[in-house]
Protein backbone atom coordinates (compact mmCIF):
# COMPACT_ATOMS: atom_id res chain seq x y z
CA MET A 1 57.61 -80.61 37.55
CA LYS A 2 61.22 -81.10 37.03
CA LYS A 3 62.30 -83.73 39.52
CA PRO A 4 65.71 -82.28 42.10
CA LEU A 5 68.35 -84.10 42.56
CA VAL A 6 69.21 -85.85 45.80
CA SER A 7 72.62 -85.60 47.11
CA ILE A 8 73.48 -88.79 49.13
CA ILE A 9 77.23 -88.06 51.86
CA ILE A 10 78.24 -91.17 52.48
CA PRO A 11 81.45 -90.93 55.06
CA THR A 12 83.73 -94.09 55.34
CA TYR A 13 86.64 -95.01 56.70
CA ASN A 14 87.92 -99.37 56.49
CA ARG A 15 84.49 -100.91 55.43
CA GLU A 16 86.00 -102.77 53.04
CA HIS A 17 83.50 -105.55 54.69
CA LEU A 18 80.56 -103.32 54.37
CA ILE A 19 80.41 -100.16 51.78
CA GLY A 20 79.29 -102.82 48.81
CA GLU A 21 75.99 -103.36 51.03
CA THR A 22 76.04 -99.93 51.22
CA LEU A 23 75.98 -98.62 47.97
CA ASP A 24 74.20 -101.24 46.79
CA SER A 25 71.32 -100.05 49.10
CA VAL A 26 71.58 -96.86 46.71
CA LEU A 27 71.70 -98.55 43.45
CA ALA A 28 68.23 -100.26 45.20
CA GLN A 29 66.29 -97.09 45.55
CA THR A 30 63.82 -96.66 43.03
CA TYR A 31 64.09 -92.26 43.04
CA GLU A 32 67.11 -92.28 39.83
CA LYS A 33 68.08 -88.45 39.83
CA TRP A 34 71.01 -88.55 42.40
CA GLU A 35 74.43 -88.16 43.11
CA CYS A 36 76.58 -90.50 46.11
CA LEU A 37 79.05 -88.19 46.87
CA VAL A 38 81.60 -91.50 48.70
CA VAL A 39 84.26 -89.44 51.31
CA ASP A 40 86.90 -92.42 52.26
CA ASP A 41 88.58 -91.28 54.97
CA GLY A 42 92.31 -92.54 54.39
CA SER A 43 91.21 -95.86 54.72
CA THR A 44 94.30 -98.50 54.78
CA ASP A 45 91.87 -101.49 53.89
CA GLN A 46 90.82 -102.12 50.28
CA THR A 47 87.66 -99.71 50.51
CA ARG A 48 88.44 -97.91 47.61
CA LYS A 49 88.43 -100.67 45.57
CA GLU A 50 85.26 -101.47 46.34
CA ILE A 51 83.97 -97.86 45.64
CA ILE A 52 85.56 -97.83 41.99
CA ASN A 53 84.05 -101.40 41.46
CA ILE A 54 80.27 -99.77 41.18
CA LYS A 55 80.12 -98.61 37.69
CA ASP A 56 77.61 -96.44 37.43
CA GLU A 57 78.66 -93.12 37.44
CA ARG A 58 76.43 -91.21 39.40
CA PHE A 59 78.83 -92.31 42.05
CA LEU A 60 81.90 -90.30 42.96
CA LEU A 61 84.89 -90.95 45.07
CA VAL A 62 86.33 -88.32 47.10
CA GLU A 63 89.91 -89.37 49.02
CA LEU A 64 91.36 -88.14 51.86
CA LYS A 65 94.59 -88.58 52.57
CA ARG A 66 94.59 -89.93 56.18
CA ASN A 67 92.72 -90.33 58.65
CA LEU A 68 91.31 -86.66 59.77
CA HIS A 69 88.19 -88.24 61.40
CA LEU A 70 83.96 -87.84 60.83
CA GLN A 71 83.79 -84.30 61.49
CA PHE A 72 86.07 -83.10 58.18
CA SER A 73 84.68 -85.43 55.92
């Protein structure tokens, strides 16, 4: 039987100090058929840089131009 694709959605805002650890925990999973959409809700710190430093094509960065708050992320 074919394994289903699991989608992980992580909303973030100014979490430069936490996002690396968060994405590392996704990478540490034993199930490998996943995609991870990281929604940066207009961060003003280096959150984006931390996300793009992860070299795994299963991560997709969605950038919002300004902070629209969690319900829009």
